[in-house]
Amino acid sequence: FNLVSTVTASNPPDCDRPLYEVQSGDTCDSICSNHLVSNYQLRLVNPEINEACNNIFPGEKFCLGRKGQDCTDVHKVGPGENCWKIAHDAGISIELLVKNNPNLGEDCQFVRPKEV
């Protein structure tokens, strides 16, 4: 019996970037950090990835960006950074930052170092 549910992604026709093949030890954070893809973006274009991102396994392939949904400017959160600093440095409002990155939470309470 197969007791492990695996996620299988096919290359969607609107995938702008090459598919990424998950390696042993990968996490959503490491994939996003290494390929400058926001965590929100990765899950948006691959809805089969769950919110905790604990259902990715070596050998699976995921799209890293789709036409019309791919962010062109990304930022990797540094130690001690908060939404105000990130928004200020990018020249945007905190409201726009949160709107474009709903995974940050309404009050920007989920900012984590090394997150993209």
N, C-alpha and C. Protein backbone atom coordinates (compact mmCIF):
# COMPACT_ATOMS: atom_id res chain seq x y z
N PHE A 1 0.83 -1.18 0.00
CA PHE A 1 0.00 0.00 0.00
C PHE A 1 0.87 1.24 0.00
N ASN A 2 0.47 2.24 -0.75
CA ASN A 2 1.17 3.52 -0.74
C ASN A 2 0.51 4.39 0.31
N LEU A 3 1.23 4.64 1.39
CA LEU A 3 0.68 5.44 2.48
C LEU A 3 1.15 6.88 2.44
N VAL A 4 2.02 7.20 1.50
CA VAL A 4 2.55 8.56 1.39
C VAL A 4 1.92 9.22 0.18
N SER A 5 1.33 10.37 0.41
CA SER A 5 0.75 11.13 -0.68
C SER A 5 1.84 12.01 -1.27
N THR A 6 2.08 11.89 -2.55
CA THR A 6 3.09 12.72 -3.18
C THR A 6 2.44 13.74 -4.08
N VAL A 7 3.15 14.82 -4.30
CA VAL A 7 2.67 15.90 -5.15
C VAL A 7 3.39 15.78 -6.48
N THR A 8 2.65 15.80 -7.56
CA THR A 8 3.25 15.72 -8.88
C THR A 8 2.79 16.92 -9.68
N ALA A 9 3.76 17.67 -10.17
CA ALA A 9 3.43 18.85 -10.95
C ALA A 9 3.81 18.61 -12.40
N SER A 10 2.95 19.03 -13.30
CA SER A 10 3.31 19.00 -14.71
C SER A 10 3.67 20.42 -15.09
N ASN A 11 4.41 20.56 -16.17
CA ASN A 11 4.82 21.89 -16.59
C ASN A 11 3.64 22.60 -17.21
N PRO A 12 3.03 23.55 -16.48
CA PRO A 12 1.88 24.25 -17.03
C PRO A 12 2.31 25.06 -18.25
N PRO A 13 1.42 25.23 -19.22
CA PRO A 13 1.79 25.93 -20.44
C PRO A 13 2.18 27.38 -20.19
N ASP A 14 1.72 27.97 -19.11
CA ASP A 14 2.04 29.36 -18.82
C ASP A 14 3.19 29.51 -17.82
N CYS A 15 3.95 28.44 -17.61
CA CYS A 15 5.09 28.51 -16.69
C CYS A 15 6.24 29.23 -17.39
N ASP A 16 6.61 30.40 -16.87
CA ASP A 16 7.65 31.23 -17.47
C ASP A 16 9.06 30.77 -17.14
N ARG A 17 9.21 30.04 -16.07
CA ARG A 17 10.53 29.64 -15.63
C ARG A 17 10.65 28.12 -15.73
N PRO A 18 11.89 27.63 -15.78
CA PRO A 18 12.05 26.17 -15.80
C PRO A 18 11.48 25.55 -14.53
N LEU A 19 11.03 24.32 -14.65
CA LEU A 19 10.57 23.60 -13.47
C LEU A 19 11.77 23.35 -12.56
N TYR A 20 11.54 23.42 -11.26
CA TYR A 20 12.59 23.11 -10.29
C TYR A 20 12.33 21.72 -9.74
N GLU A 21 13.37 20.89 -9.72
CA GLU A 21 13.25 19.55 -9.15
C GLU A 21 13.72 19.58 -7.70
N VAL A 22 12.85 19.20 -6.79
CA VAL A 22 13.15 19.21 -5.36
C VAL A 22 14.30 18.24 -5.08
N GLN A 23 15.26 18.73 -4.28
CA GLN A 23 16.42 17.94 -3.87
C GLN A 23 16.26 17.55 -2.40
N SER A 24 16.97 16.54 -1.99
CA SER A 24 16.96 16.12 -0.59
C SER A 24 17.39 17.29 0.29
N GLY A 25 16.65 17.57 1.33
CA GLY A 25 16.96 18.66 2.25
C GLY A 25 16.33 19.99 1.88
N ASP A 26 15.71 20.08 0.71
CA ASP A 26 15.06 21.33 0.30
C ASP A 26 13.87 21.63 1.19
N THR A 27 13.65 22.91 1.40
CA THR A 27 12.44 23.42 2.03
C THR A 27 11.90 24.50 1.10
N CYS A 28 10.68 24.92 1.32
CA CYS A 28 10.17 26.02 0.50
C CYS A 28 11.06 27.25 0.66
N ASP A 29 11.49 27.52 1.90
CA ASP A 29 12.36 28.68 2.13
C ASP A 29 13.65 28.57 1.34
N SER A 30 14.28 27.40 1.33
CA SER A 30 15.56 27.27 0.62
C SER A 30 15.37 27.38 -0.89
N ILE A 31 14.31 26.78 -1.40
CA ILE A 31 14.03 26.88 -2.84
C ILE A 31 13.81 28.34 -3.22
N CYS A 32 12.98 29.02 -2.45
CA CYS A 32 12.65 30.42 -2.75
C CYS A 32 13.88 31.31 -2.63
N SER A 33 14.66 31.11 -1.59
CA SER A 33 15.85 31.91 -1.38
C SER A 33 16.87 31.71 -2.50
N ASN A 34 17.08 30.48 -2.89
CA ASN A 34 18.08 30.17 -3.92
C ASN A 34 17.66 30.59 -5.32
N HIS A 35 16.35 30.73 -5.55
CA HIS A 35 15.86 31.04 -6.89
C HIS A 35 15.11 32.37 -6.95
N LEU A 36 15.19 33.16 -5.87
CA LEU A 36 14.56 34.47 -5.78
C LEU A 36 13.10 34.44 -6.22
N VAL A 37 12.38 33.55 -5.58
CA VAL A 37 10.94 33.41 -5.78
C VAL A 37 10.31 33.62 -4.41
N SER A 38 9.27 34.41 -4.32
CA SER A 38 8.64 34.60 -3.01
C SER A 38 7.95 33.31 -2.58
N ASN A 39 7.91 33.09 -1.28
CA ASN A 39 7.24 31.91 -0.74
C ASN A 39 5.78 31.89 -1.17
N TYR A 40 5.15 33.05 -1.12
CA TYR A 40 3.75 33.15 -1.54
C TYR A 40 3.62 32.76 -3.02
N GLN A 41 4.53 33.26 -3.85
CA GLN A 41 4.51 32.97 -5.29
C GLN A 41 4.63 31.48 -5.56
N LEU A 42 5.55 30.82 -4.86
CA LEU A 42 5.75 29.38 -5.07
C LEU A 42 4.45 28.62 -4.82
N ARG A 43 3.77 28.95 -3.73
CA ARG A 43 2.53 28.26 -3.41
C ARG A 43 1.38 28.69 -4.32
N LEU A 44 1.40 29.94 -4.77
CA LEU A 44 0.34 30.42 -5.66
C LEU A 44 0.36 29.67 -6.99
N VAL A 45 1.53 29.49 -7.56
CA VAL A 45 1.61 28.84 -8.87
C VAL A 45 1.64 27.32 -8.76
N ASN A 46 1.77 26.81 -7.55
CA ASN A 46 1.75 25.37 -7.31
C ASN A 46 0.78 25.09 -6.17
N PRO A 47 -0.53 25.19 -6.42
CA PRO A 47 -1.51 25.08 -5.33
C PRO A 47 -1.50 23.73 -4.63
N GLU A 48 -0.83 22.75 -5.20
CA GLU A 48 -0.75 21.45 -4.54
C GLU A 48 0.20 21.47 -3.34
N ILE A 49 1.02 22.52 -3.22
CA ILE A 49 1.89 22.66 -2.04
C ILE A 49 1.04 23.21 -0.91
N ASN A 50 1.04 22.53 0.23
CA ASN A 50 0.19 22.98 1.34
C ASN A 50 0.79 24.18 2.06
N GLU A 51 0.00 24.81 2.92
CA GLU A 51 0.42 26.03 3.60
C GLU A 51 1.67 25.84 4.44
N ALA A 52 1.81 24.70 5.07
CA ALA A 52 2.99 24.42 5.89
C ALA A 52 4.19 24.03 5.03
N CYS A 53 3.95 23.78 3.77
CA CYS A 53 4.98 23.37 2.82
C CYS A 53 5.74 22.14 3.31
N ASN A 54 5.00 21.21 3.87
CA ASN A 54 5.64 19.99 4.35
C ASN A 54 5.26 18.79 3.49
N ASN A 55 4.77 19.08 2.28
CA ASN A 55 4.41 17.98 1.37
C ASN A 55 5.19 18.05 0.06
N ILE A 56 6.45 18.51 0.14
CA ILE A 56 7.33 18.46 -1.03
C ILE A 56 8.38 17.38 -0.78
N PHE A 57 8.71 16.64 -1.84
CA PHE A 57 9.61 15.50 -1.69
C PHE A 57 10.62 15.49 -2.83
N PRO A 58 11.83 14.98 -2.58
CA PRO A 58 12.85 14.91 -3.63
C PRO A 58 12.30 14.24 -4.90
N GLY A 59 12.66 14.84 -6.03
CA GLY A 59 12.23 14.32 -7.32
C GLY A 59 11.00 15.01 -7.88
N GLU A 60 10.22 15.66 -7.03
CA GLU A 60 9.04 16.38 -7.51
C GLU A 60 9.50 17.65 -8.22
N LYS A 61 8.70 18.10 -9.16
CA LYS A 61 9.04 19.30 -9.93
C LYS A 61 7.94 20.34 -9.77
N PHE A 62 8.37 21.59 -9.62
CA PHE A 62 7.44 22.69 -9.43
C PHE A 62 7.80 23.86 -10.33
N CYS A 63 6.77 24.57 -10.77
CA CYS A 63 6.93 25.79 -11.55
C CYS A 63 7.38 26.91 -10.60
N LEU A 64 8.33 27.73 -11.05
CA LEU A 64 8.80 28.83 -10.21
C LEU A 64 8.20 30.17 -10.59
N GLY A 65 7.41 30.23 -11.65
CA GLY A 65 6.76 31.48 -12.02
C GLY A 65 5.88 31.33 -13.24
N ARG A 66 4.74 32.01 -13.23
CA ARG A 66 3.79 31.96 -14.34
C ARG A 66 3.57 33.35 -14.92
N LYS A 67 3.26 33.39 -16.19
CA LYS A 67 2.95 34.65 -16.86
C LYS A 67 1.84 35.36 -16.11
N GLY A 68 2.04 36.63 -15.85
CA GLY A 68 1.02 37.43 -15.18
C GLY A 68 0.96 37.24 -13.67
N GLN A 69 1.71 36.29 -13.13
CA GLN A 69 1.68 36.06 -11.68
C GLN A 69 3.08 36.14 -11.07
N ASP A 70 4.10 36.31 -11.89
CA ASP A 70 5.47 36.28 -11.40
C ASP A 70 5.90 37.67 -10.94
N CYS A 71 6.47 37.74 -9.78
CA CYS A 71 6.98 39.00 -9.26
C CYS A 71 8.31 39.31 -9.94
N THR A 72 8.50 40.56 -10.35
CA THR A 72 9.76 40.92 -10.97
C THR A 72 10.76 41.43 -9.95
N ASP A 73 10.29 42.05 -8.88
CA ASP A 73 11.16 42.53 -7.82
C ASP A 73 10.90 41.72 -6.57
N VAL A 74 11.94 41.12 -6.04
CA VAL A 74 11.81 40.35 -4.81
C VAL A 74 12.87 40.81 -3.83
N HIS A 75 12.68 40.47 -2.57
CA HIS A 75 13.60 40.87 -1.51
C HIS A 75 13.74 39.71 -0.54
N LYS A 76 14.98 39.40 -0.19
CA LYS A 76 15.22 38.37 0.82
C LYS A 76 15.34 39.07 2.17
N VAL A 77 14.50 38.69 3.13
CA VAL A 77 14.45 39.34 4.44
C VAL A 77 15.77 39.10 5.18
N GLY A 78 16.35 40.19 5.66
CA GLY A 78 17.58 40.11 6.42
C GLY A 78 17.30 40.12 7.91
N PRO A 79 18.31 39.81 8.72
CA PRO A 79 18.14 39.80 10.18
C PRO A 79 17.66 41.16 10.68
N GLY A 80 16.65 41.15 11.52
CA GLY A 80 16.15 42.38 12.13
C GLY A 80 15.28 43.24 11.24
N GLU A 81 15.05 42.84 10.00
CA GLU A 81 14.21 43.65 9.12
C GLU A 81 12.74 43.48 9.47
N ASN A 82 11.99 44.53 9.21
CA ASN A 82 10.54 44.48 9.43
C ASN A 82 9.86 45.03 8.18
N CYS A 83 8.55 44.96 8.16
CA CYS A 83 7.81 45.40 6.98
C CYS A 83 8.05 46.87 6.66
N TRP A 84 8.14 47.70 7.68
CA TRP A 84 8.35 49.12 7.43
C TRP A 84 9.65 49.33 6.67
N LYS A 85 10.73 48.72 7.11
CA LYS A 85 12.03 48.88 6.44
C LYS A 85 11.99 48.33 5.02
N ILE A 86 11.42 47.16 4.85
CA ILE A 86 11.36 46.54 3.53
C ILE A 86 10.56 47.43 2.57
N ALA A 87 9.39 47.88 3.02
CA ALA A 87 8.54 48.74 2.18
C ALA A 87 9.25 50.06 1.88
N HIS A 88 9.83 50.67 2.91
CA HIS A 88 10.53 51.95 2.74
C HIS A 88 11.66 51.81 1.72
N ASP A 89 12.49 50.78 1.87
CA ASP A 89 13.62 50.58 0.96
C ASP A 89 13.17 50.30 -0.47
N ALA A 90 11.99 49.69 -0.63
CA ALA A 90 11.46 49.37 -1.96
C ALA A 90 10.68 50.54 -2.55
N GLY A 91 10.42 51.56 -1.73
CA GLY A 91 9.67 52.71 -2.21
C GLY A 91 8.19 52.45 -2.38
N ILE A 92 7.66 51.54 -1.56
CA ILE A 92 6.23 51.22 -1.63
C ILE A 92 5.62 51.34 -0.24
N SER A 93 4.30 51.33 -0.19
CA SER A 93 3.61 51.39 1.10
C SER A 93 3.59 50.01 1.74
N ILE A 94 3.43 50.00 3.05
CA ILE A 94 3.28 48.72 3.76
C ILE A 94 2.03 48.02 3.27
N GLU A 95 0.98 48.78 2.98
CA GLU A 95 -0.26 48.20 2.49
C GLU A 95 -0.04 47.42 1.19
N LEU A 96 0.74 48.00 0.27
CA LEU A 96 1.02 47.32 -0.99
C LEU A 96 1.90 46.09 -0.76
N LEU A 97 2.87 46.21 0.14
CA LEU A 97 3.71 45.06 0.47
C LEU A 97 2.87 43.89 0.97
N VAL A 98 1.95 44.17 1.89
CA VAL A 98 1.10 43.12 2.45
C VAL A 98 0.13 42.59 1.40
N LYS A 99 -0.41 43.48 0.57
CA LYS A 99 -1.33 43.04 -0.49
C LYS A 99 -0.63 42.08 -1.45
N ASN A 100 0.62 42.38 -1.80
CA ASN A 100 1.37 41.53 -2.72
C ASN A 100 1.95 40.30 -2.06
N ASN A 101 1.96 40.28 -0.73
CA ASN A 101 2.53 39.16 0.03
C ASN A 101 1.60 38.80 1.19
N PRO A 102 0.42 38.26 0.89
CA PRO A 102 -0.55 37.99 1.96
C PRO A 102 -0.05 37.01 3.02
N ASN A 103 1.00 36.26 2.69
CA ASN A 103 1.57 35.35 3.68
C ASN A 103 2.23 36.09 4.84
N LEU A 104 2.43 37.41 4.71
CA LEU A 104 3.01 38.19 5.81
C LEU A 104 2.02 38.43 6.93
N GLY A 105 0.74 38.25 6.66
CA GLY A 105 -0.30 38.52 7.65
C GLY A 105 -0.76 39.96 7.56
N GLU A 106 -1.98 40.22 7.98
CA GLU A 106 -2.55 41.57 7.89
C GLU A 106 -1.72 42.61 8.62
N ASP A 107 -1.13 42.23 9.74
CA ASP A 107 -0.33 43.16 10.52
C ASP A 107 1.16 42.93 10.32
N CYS A 108 1.51 42.21 9.27
CA CYS A 108 2.91 41.95 8.94
C CYS A 108 3.63 41.19 10.06
N GLN A 109 2.88 40.33 10.73
CA GLN A 109 3.44 39.63 11.88
C GLN A 109 4.24 38.39 11.52
N PHE A 110 4.25 38.01 10.24
CA PHE A 110 4.92 36.76 9.87
C PHE A 110 6.19 36.98 9.04
N VAL A 111 6.89 38.08 9.25
CA VAL A 111 8.14 38.34 8.55
C VAL A 111 9.22 37.47 9.18
N ARG A 112 9.93 36.70 8.33
CA ARG A 112 10.98 35.80 8.84
C ARG A 112 12.27 36.02 8.06
N PRO A 113 13.41 36.05 8.75
CA PRO A 113 14.69 36.18 8.05
C PRO A 113 14.85 35.07 7.01
N LYS A 114 15.45 35.44 5.90
CA LYS A 114 15.75 34.57 4.76
C LYS A 114 14.53 34.26 3.90
N GLU A 115 13.34 34.72 4.32
CA GLU A 115 12.17 34.53 3.47
C GLU A 115 12.27 35.50 2.30
N VAL A 116 11.79 35.08 1.13
CA VAL A 116 11.82 35.94 -0.05
C VAL A 116 10.43 36.50 -0.27
